[in-house]
PDB file of N, CA and C in Angstrom:
ATOM      1  N   MET A   1       0.862  -1.175   0.000  1.00  0.00           N
ATOM      2  CA  MET A   1       0.000   0.000   0.000  1.00  0.00           C
ATOM      3  C   MET A   1       0.897   1.222   0.000  1.00  0.00           C
ATOM      4  N   SER A   2       0.638   2.126  -0.882  1.00  0.00           N
ATOM      5  CA  SER A   2       1.389   3.379  -0.923  1.00  0.00           C
ATOM      6  C   SER A   2       0.424   4.528  -0.689  1.00  0.00           C
ATOM      7  N   GLN A   3       0.981   5.717  -0.487  1.00  0.00           N
ATOM      8  CA  GLN A   3       0.147   6.896  -0.264  1.00  0.00           C
ATOM      9  C   GLN A   3      -0.786   7.121  -1.447  1.00  0.00           C
ATOM     10  N   ALA A   4      -0.334   6.804  -2.657  1.00  0.00           N
ATOM     11  CA  ALA A   4      -1.159   6.995  -3.846  1.00  0.00           C
ATOM     12  C   ALA A   4      -2.370   6.071  -3.862  1.00  0.00           C
ATOM     13  N   ASP A   5      -2.290   4.931  -3.152  1.00  0.00           N
ATOM     14  CA  ASP A   5      -3.392   3.977  -3.104  1.00  0.00           C
ATOM     15  C   ASP A   5      -4.492   4.383  -2.131  1.00  0.00           C
ATOM     16  N   LEU A   6      -4.220   5.376  -1.278  1.00  0.00           N
ATOM     17  CA  LEU A   6      -5.159   5.758  -0.227  1.00  0.00           C
ATOM     18  C   LEU A   6      -6.055   6.899  -0.661  1.00  0.00           C
ATOM     19  N   PRO A   7      -7.267   6.928  -0.114  1.00  0.00           N
ATOM     20  CA  PRO A   7      -8.111   8.098  -0.364  1.00  0.00           C
ATOM     21  C   PRO A   7      -7.489   9.302   0.323  1.00  0.00           C
ATOM     22  N   GLU A   8      -7.825  10.503  -0.128  1.00  0.00           N
ATOM     23  CA  GLU A   8      -7.285  11.703   0.506  1.00  0.00           C
ATOM     24  C   GLU A   8      -7.770  11.756   1.953  1.00  0.00           C
ATOM     25  N   ILE A   9      -6.832  11.855   2.869  1.00  0.00           N
ATOM     26  CA  ILE A   9      -7.156  11.896   4.293  1.00  0.00           C
ATOM     27  C   ILE A   9      -6.790  13.275   4.801  1.00  0.00           C
ATOM     28  N   ARG A  10      -7.780  13.975   5.312  1.00  0.00           N
ATOM     29  CA  ARG A  10      -7.564  15.345   5.765  1.00  0.00           C
ATOM     30  C   ARG A  10      -7.499  15.389   7.281  1.00  0.00           C
ATOM     31  N   ALA A  11      -6.575  16.187   7.787  1.00  0.00           N
ATOM     32  CA  ALA A  11      -6.406  16.320   9.226  1.00  0.00           C
ATOM     33  C   ALA A  11      -7.142  17.526   9.782  1.00  0.00           C
ATOM     34  N   GLU A  12      -7.583  18.440   8.913  1.00  0.00           N
ATOM     35  CA  GLU A  12      -8.218  19.663   9.387  1.00  0.00           C
ATOM     36  C   GLU A  12      -9.454  19.355  10.218  1.00  0.00           C
ATOM     37  N   GLY A  13      -9.566  20.054  11.340  1.00  0.00           N
ATOM     38  CA  GLY A  13     -10.743  19.918  12.177  1.00  0.00           C
ATOM     39  C   GLY A  13     -10.666  18.810  13.213  1.00  0.00           C
ATOM     40  N   TRP A  14      -9.652  17.943  13.129  1.00  0.00           N
ATOM     41  CA  TRP A  14      -9.492  16.878  14.107  1.00  0.00           C
ATOM     42  C   TRP A  14      -8.531  17.333  15.197  1.00  0.00           C
ATOM     43  N   ARG A  15      -8.857  16.998  16.452  1.00  0.00           N
ATOM     44  CA  ARG A  15      -8.005  17.350  17.588  1.00  0.00           C
ATOM     45  C   ARG A  15      -7.751  16.098  18.412  1.00  0.00           C
ATOM     46  N   CYS A  16      -6.599  16.050  19.044  1.00  0.00           N
ATOM     47  CA  CYS A  16      -6.265  14.960  19.954  1.00  0.00           C
ATOM     48  C   CYS A  16      -7.076  15.159  21.242  1.00  0.00           C
ATOM     49  N   GLN A  17      -7.810  14.152  21.639  1.00  0.00           N
ATOM     50  CA  GLN A  17      -8.623  14.256  22.850  1.00  0.00           C
ATOM     51  C   GLN A  17      -7.733  14.379  24.091  1.00  0.00           C
ATOM     52  N   LYS A  18      -6.608  13.710  24.086  1.00  0.00           N
ATOM     53  CA  LYS A  18      -5.700  13.726  25.239  1.00  0.00           C
ATOM     54  C   LYS A  18      -4.981  15.069  25.384  1.00  0.00           C
ATOM     55  N   CYS A  19      -4.447  15.580  24.283  1.00  0.00           N
ATOM     56  CA  CYS A  19      -3.591  16.772  24.326  1.00  0.00           C
ATOM     57  C   CYS A  19      -4.303  18.056  23.888  1.00  0.00           C
ATOM     58  N   ASP A  20      -5.456  17.930  23.275  1.00  0.00           N
ATOM     59  CA  ASP A  20      -6.209  19.051  22.708  1.00  0.00           C
ATOM     60  C   ASP A  20      -5.392  19.821  21.675  1.00  0.00           C
ATOM     61  N   GLU A  21      -4.553  19.105  20.953  1.00  0.00           N
ATOM     62  CA  GLU A  21      -3.765  19.688  19.863  1.00  0.00           C
ATOM     63  C   GLU A  21      -4.409  19.324  18.536  1.00  0.00           C
ATOM     64  N   GLU A  22      -4.313  20.213  17.562  1.00  0.00           N
ATOM     65  CA  GLU A  22      -4.817  19.914  16.225  1.00  0.00           C
ATOM     66  C   GLU A  22      -3.924  18.862  15.579  1.00  0.00           C
ATOM     67  N   LEU A  23      -4.566  17.856  14.959  1.00  0.00           N
ATOM     68  CA  LEU A  23      -3.802  16.812  14.278  1.00  0.00           C
ATOM     69  C   LEU A  23      -3.197  17.370  13.003  1.00  0.00           C
ATOM     70  N   ARG A  24      -2.010  16.855  12.690  1.00  0.00           N
ATOM     71  CA  ARG A  24      -1.295  17.291  11.484  1.00  0.00           C
ATOM     72  C   ARG A  24      -0.875  16.063  10.690  1.00  0.00           C
ATOM     73  N   PRO A  25      -0.839  16.175   9.372  1.00  0.00           N
ATOM     74  CA  PRO A  25      -0.358  15.039   8.577  1.00  0.00           C
ATOM     75  C   PRO A  25       1.100  14.727   8.916  1.00  0.00           C
ATOM     76  N   ALA A  26       1.384  13.450   9.123  1.00  0.00           N
ATOM     77  CA  ALA A  26       2.750  13.014   9.443  1.00  0.00           C
ATOM     78  C   ALA A  26       2.907  11.566   8.990  1.00  0.00           C
ATOM     79  N   PRO A  27       4.131  11.161   8.680  1.00  0.00           N
ATOM     80  CA  PRO A  27       4.365   9.763   8.300  1.00  0.00           C
ATOM     81  C   PRO A  27       4.059   8.833   9.471  1.00  0.00           C
ATOM     82  N   ALA A  28       3.413   7.711   9.157  1.00  0.00           N
ATOM     83  CA  ALA A  28       3.097   6.707  10.175  1.00  0.00           C
ATOM     84  C   ALA A  28       3.389   5.329   9.594  1.00  0.00           C
ATOM     85  N   ASP A  29       3.927   4.459  10.424  1.00  0.00           N
ATOM     86  CA  ASP A  29       4.190   3.080  10.001  1.00  0.00           C
ATOM     87  C   ASP A  29       3.028   2.205  10.444  1.00  0.00           C
ATOM     88  N   ILE A  30       2.474   1.459   9.504  1.00  0.00           N
ATOM     89  CA  ILE A  30       1.386   0.529   9.787  1.00  0.00           C
ATOM     90  C   ILE A  30       1.926  -0.868   9.526  1.00  0.00           C
ATOM     91  N   THR A  31       1.746  -1.764  10.485  1.00  0.00           N
ATOM     92  CA  THR A  31       2.226  -3.130  10.343  1.00  0.00           C
ATOM     93  C   THR A  31       1.066  -4.102  10.504  1.00  0.00           C
ATOM     94  N   TYR A  32       1.002  -5.072   9.609  1.00  0.00           N
ATOM     95  CA  TYR A  32      -0.025  -6.107   9.689  1.00  0.00           C
ATOM     96  C   TYR A  32       0.553  -7.383   9.110  1.00  0.00           C
ATOM     97  N   MET A  33       0.498  -8.445   9.870  1.00  0.00           N
ATOM     98  CA  MET A  33       0.996  -9.759   9.438  1.00  0.00           C
ATOM     99  C   MET A  33       2.403  -9.655   8.849  1.00  0.00           C
ATOM    100  N   SER A  34       3.316  -9.041   9.566  1.00  0.00           N
ATOM    101  CA  SER A  34       4.728  -8.907   9.183  1.00  0.00           C
ATOM    102  C   SER A  34       4.959  -8.037   7.951  1.00  0.00           C
ATOM    103  N   SER A  35       3.954  -7.343   7.468  1.00  0.00           N
ATOM    104  CA  SER A  35       4.123  -6.407   6.362  1.00  0.00           C
ATOM    105  C   SER A  35       3.977  -4.997   6.916  1.00  0.00           C
ATOM    106  N   SER A  36       4.890  -4.116   6.535  1.00  0.00           N
ATOM    107  CA  SER A  36       4.854  -2.741   7.018  1.00  0.00           C
ATOM    108  C   SER A  36       4.633  -1.782   5.862  1.00  0.00           C
ATOM    109  N   PHE A  37       3.910  -0.720   6.164  1.00  0.00           N
ATOM    110  CA  PHE A  37       3.609   0.310   5.181  1.00  0.00           C
ATOM    111  C   PHE A  37       3.809   1.659   5.832  1.00  0.00           C
ATOM    112  N   ARG A  38       4.401   2.591   5.125  1.00  0.00           N
ATOM    113  CA  ARG A  38       4.550   3.958   5.632  1.00  0.00           C
ATOM    114  C   ARG A  38       3.593   4.839   4.851  1.00  0.00           C
ATOM    115  N   VAL A  39       2.679   5.473   5.582  1.00  0.00           N
ATOM    116  CA  VAL A  39       1.688   6.353   4.972  1.00  0.00           C
ATOM    117  C   VAL A  39       1.579   7.625   5.802  1.00  0.00           C
ATOM    118  N   GLU A  40       1.029   8.650   5.205  1.00  0.00           N
ATOM    119  CA  GLU A  40       0.830   9.910   5.919  1.00  0.00           C
ATOM    120  C   GLU A  40      -0.590   9.928   6.479  1.00  0.00           C
ATOM    121  N   LEU A  41      -0.688  10.109   7.808  1.00  0.00           N
ATOM    122  CA  LEU A  41      -1.979  10.102   8.493  1.00  0.00           C
ATOM    123  C   LEU A  41      -2.045  11.248   9.489  1.00  0.00           C
ATOM    124  N   PRO A  42      -3.253  11.678   9.865  1.00  0.00           N
ATOM    125  CA  PRO A  42      -3.389  12.716  10.888  1.00  0.00           C
ATOM    126  C   PRO A  42      -2.780  12.224  12.208  1.00  0.00           C
ATOM    127  N   THR A  43      -1.872  13.032  12.767  1.00  0.00           N
ATOM    128  CA  THR A  43      -1.114  12.639  13.961  1.00  0.00           C
ATOM    129  C   THR A  43      -1.038  13.796  14.937  1.00  0.00           C
ATOM    130  N   CYS A  44      -1.085  13.487  16.231  1.00  0.00           N
ATOM    131  CA  CYS A  44      -0.921  14.513  17.254  1.00  0.00           C
ATOM    132  C   CYS A  44       0.552  14.885  17.330  1.00  0.00           C
ATOM    133  N   PRO A  45       0.886  16.177  17.222  1.00  0.00           N
ATOM    134  CA  PRO A  45       2.292  16.586  17.270  1.00  0.00           C
ATOM    135  C   PRO A  45       2.894  16.473  18.671  1.00  0.00           C
ATOM    136  N   VAL A  46       2.066  16.303  19.701  1.00  0.00           N
ATOM    137  CA  VAL A  46       2.573  16.220  21.077  1.00  0.00           C
ATOM    138  C   VAL A  46       2.796  14.769  21.502  1.00  0.00           C
ATOM    139  N   CYS A  47       1.729  13.948  21.466  1.00  0.00           N
ATOM    140  CA  CYS A  47       1.854  12.576  21.969  1.00  0.00           C
ATOM    141  C   CYS A  47       2.098  11.542  20.864  1.00  0.00           C
ATOM    142  N   GLY A  48       1.932  11.939  19.598  1.00  0.00           N
ATOM    143  CA  GLY A  48       2.194  11.027  18.487  1.00  0.00           C
ATOM    144  C   GLY A  48       1.053  10.084  18.157  1.00  0.00           C
ATOM    145  N   LEU A  49      -0.097  10.241  18.815  1.00  0.00           N
ATOM    146  CA  LEU A  49      -1.247   9.397  18.523  1.00  0.00           C
ATOM    147  C   LEU A  49      -1.662   9.581  17.067  1.00  0.00           C
ATOM    148  N   VAL A  50      -1.878   8.468  16.368  1.00  0.00           N
ATOM    149  CA  VAL A  50      -2.253   8.489  14.955  1.00  0.00           C
ATOM    150  C   VAL A  50      -3.746   8.212  14.839  1.00  0.00           C
ATOM    151  N   PHE A  51      -4.441   9.008  14.041  1.00  0.00           N
ATOM    152  CA  PHE A  51      -5.869   8.823  13.801  1.00  0.00           C
ATOM    153  C   PHE A  51      -6.052   8.121  12.469  1.00  0.00           C
ATOM    154  N   ILE A  52      -6.750   6.990  12.495  1.00  0.00           N
ATOM    155  CA  ILE A  52      -7.087   6.273  11.263  1.00  0.00           C
ATOM    156  C   ILE A  52      -8.579   6.469  11.036  1.00  0.00           C
ATOM    157  N   PRO A  53      -8.936   7.296  10.055  1.00  0.00           N
ATOM    158  CA  PRO A  53     -10.349   7.579   9.802  1.00  0.00           C
ATOM    159  C   PRO A  53     -11.126   6.311   9.443  1.00  0.00           C
ATOM    160  N   PRO A  54     -12.407   6.257   9.818  1.00  0.00           N
ATOM    161  CA  PRO A  54     -13.214   5.061   9.535  1.00  0.00           C
ATOM    162  C   PRO A  54     -13.228   4.666   8.058  1.00  0.00           C
ATOM    163  N   GLU A  55     -13.255   5.657   7.165  1.00  0.00           N
ATOM    164  CA  GLU A  55     -13.300   5.312   5.742  1.00  0.00           C
ATOM    165  C   GLU A  55     -12.026   4.601   5.291  1.00  0.00           C
ATOM    166  N   LEU A  56     -10.920   4.860   5.949  1.00  0.00           N
ATOM    167  CA  LEU A  56      -9.679   4.156   5.641  1.00  0.00           C
ATOM    168  C   LEU A  56      -9.671   2.786   6.300  1.00  0.00           C
ATOM    169  N   ALA A  57     -10.052   2.717   7.576  1.00  0.00           N
ATOM    170  CA  ALA A  57     -10.059   1.448   8.304  1.00  0.00           C
ATOM    171  C   ALA A  57     -11.035   0.453   7.693  1.00  0.00           C
ATOM    172  N   ASP A  58     -12.208   0.926   7.298  1.00  0.00           N
ATOM    173  CA  ASP A  58     -13.237   0.044   6.752  1.00  0.00           C
ATOM    174  C   ASP A  58     -13.099  -0.160   5.255  1.00  0.00           C
ATOM    175  N   GLY A  59     -12.271   0.632   4.617  1.00  0.00           N
ATOM    176  CA  GLY A  59     -12.122   0.548   3.161  1.00  0.00           C
ATOM    177  C   GLY A  59     -10.802  -0.063   2.755  1.00  0.00           C
ATOM    178  N   LYS A  60      -9.837   0.793   2.497  1.00  0.00           N
ATOM    179  CA  LYS A  60      -8.566   0.355   1.929  1.00  0.00           C
ATOM    180  C   LYS A  60      -7.803  -0.591   2.855  1.00  0.00           C
ATOM    181  N   MET A  61      -7.781  -0.306   4.157  1.00  0.00           N
ATOM    182  CA  MET A  61      -7.032  -1.172   5.072  1.00  0.00           C
ATOM    183  C   MET A  61      -7.666  -2.560   5.155  1.00  0.00           C
ATOM    184  N   LEU A  62      -8.976  -2.630   5.134  1.00  0.00           N
ATOM    185  CA  LEU A  62      -9.659  -3.917   5.142  1.00  0.00           C
ATOM    186  C   LEU A  62      -9.314  -4.704   3.880  1.00  0.00           C
ATOM    187  N   GLU A  63      -9.257  -4.006   2.762  1.00  0.00           N
ATOM    188  CA  GLU A  63      -8.890  -4.640   1.489  1.00  0.00           C
ATOM    189  C   GLU A  63      -7.466  -5.202   1.558  1.00  0.00           C
ATOM    190  N   VAL A  64      -6.537  -4.436   2.108  1.00  0.00           N
ATOM    191  CA  VAL A  64      -5.147  -4.890   2.230  1.00  0.00           C
ATOM    192  C   VAL A  64      -5.056  -6.074   3.193  1.00  0.00           C
ATOM    193  N   GLU A  65      -5.784  -6.030   4.308  1.00  0.00           N
ATOM    194  CA  GLU A  65      -5.791  -7.153   5.260  1.00  0.00           C
ATOM    195  C   GLU A  65      -6.233  -8.430   4.562  1.00  0.00           C
ATOM    196  N   ARG A  66      -7.291  -8.338   3.792  1.00  0.00           N
ATOM    197  CA  ARG A  66      -7.790  -9.530   3.090  1.00  0.00           C
ATOM    198  C   ARG A  66      -6.773 -10.065   2.101  1.00  0.00           C
ATOM    199  N   LEU A  67      -6.101  -9.156   1.373  1.00  0.00           N
ATOM    200  CA  LEU A  67      -5.083  -9.589   0.417  1.00  0.00           C
ATOM    201  C   LEU A  67      -3.928 -10.289   1.127  1.00  0.00           C
ATOM    202  N   LEU A  68      -3.485  -9.750   2.256  1.00  0.00           N
ATOM    203  CA  LEU A  68      -2.379 -10.353   3.000  1.00  0.00           C
ATOM    204  C   LEU A  68      -2.768 -11.691   3.602  1.00  0.00           C
ATOM    205  N   GLU A  69      -3.991 -11.801   4.083  1.00  0.00           N
ATOM    206  CA  GLU A  69      -4.444 -13.061   4.684  1.00  0.00           C
ATOM    207  C   GLU A  69      -4.587 -14.155   3.651  1.00  0.00           C
ATOM    208  N   ASP A  70      -4.859 -13.803   2.380  1.00  0.00           N
ATOM    209  CA  ASP A  70      -5.016 -14.801   1.330  1.00  0.00           C
ATOM    210  C   ASP A  70      -3.677 -15.356   0.846  1.00  0.00           C
ATOM    211  N   LYS A  71      -2.579 -14.706   1.217  1.00  0.00           N
ATOM    212  CA  LYS A  71      -1.255 -15.169   0.759  1.00  0.00           C
ATOM    213  C   LYS A  71      -0.839 -16.423   1.464  1.00  0.00           C
TER     214      LYS A  71
END
């Protein structure tokens, strides 16, 4: 999965509940079944918490999980 494979993910308007900081796009490593992917996701600049929007979790990431599990 590359950044080009993902839907546009916007960080505007999202805040970290813990730190009350506005989320900013930042590189994040996602690992599943020994496969790692680096993508840009909304991230808290203070605590580093990464937000994975539902449309990504239920869409593209689910598709990638299924592909990896079929291998």
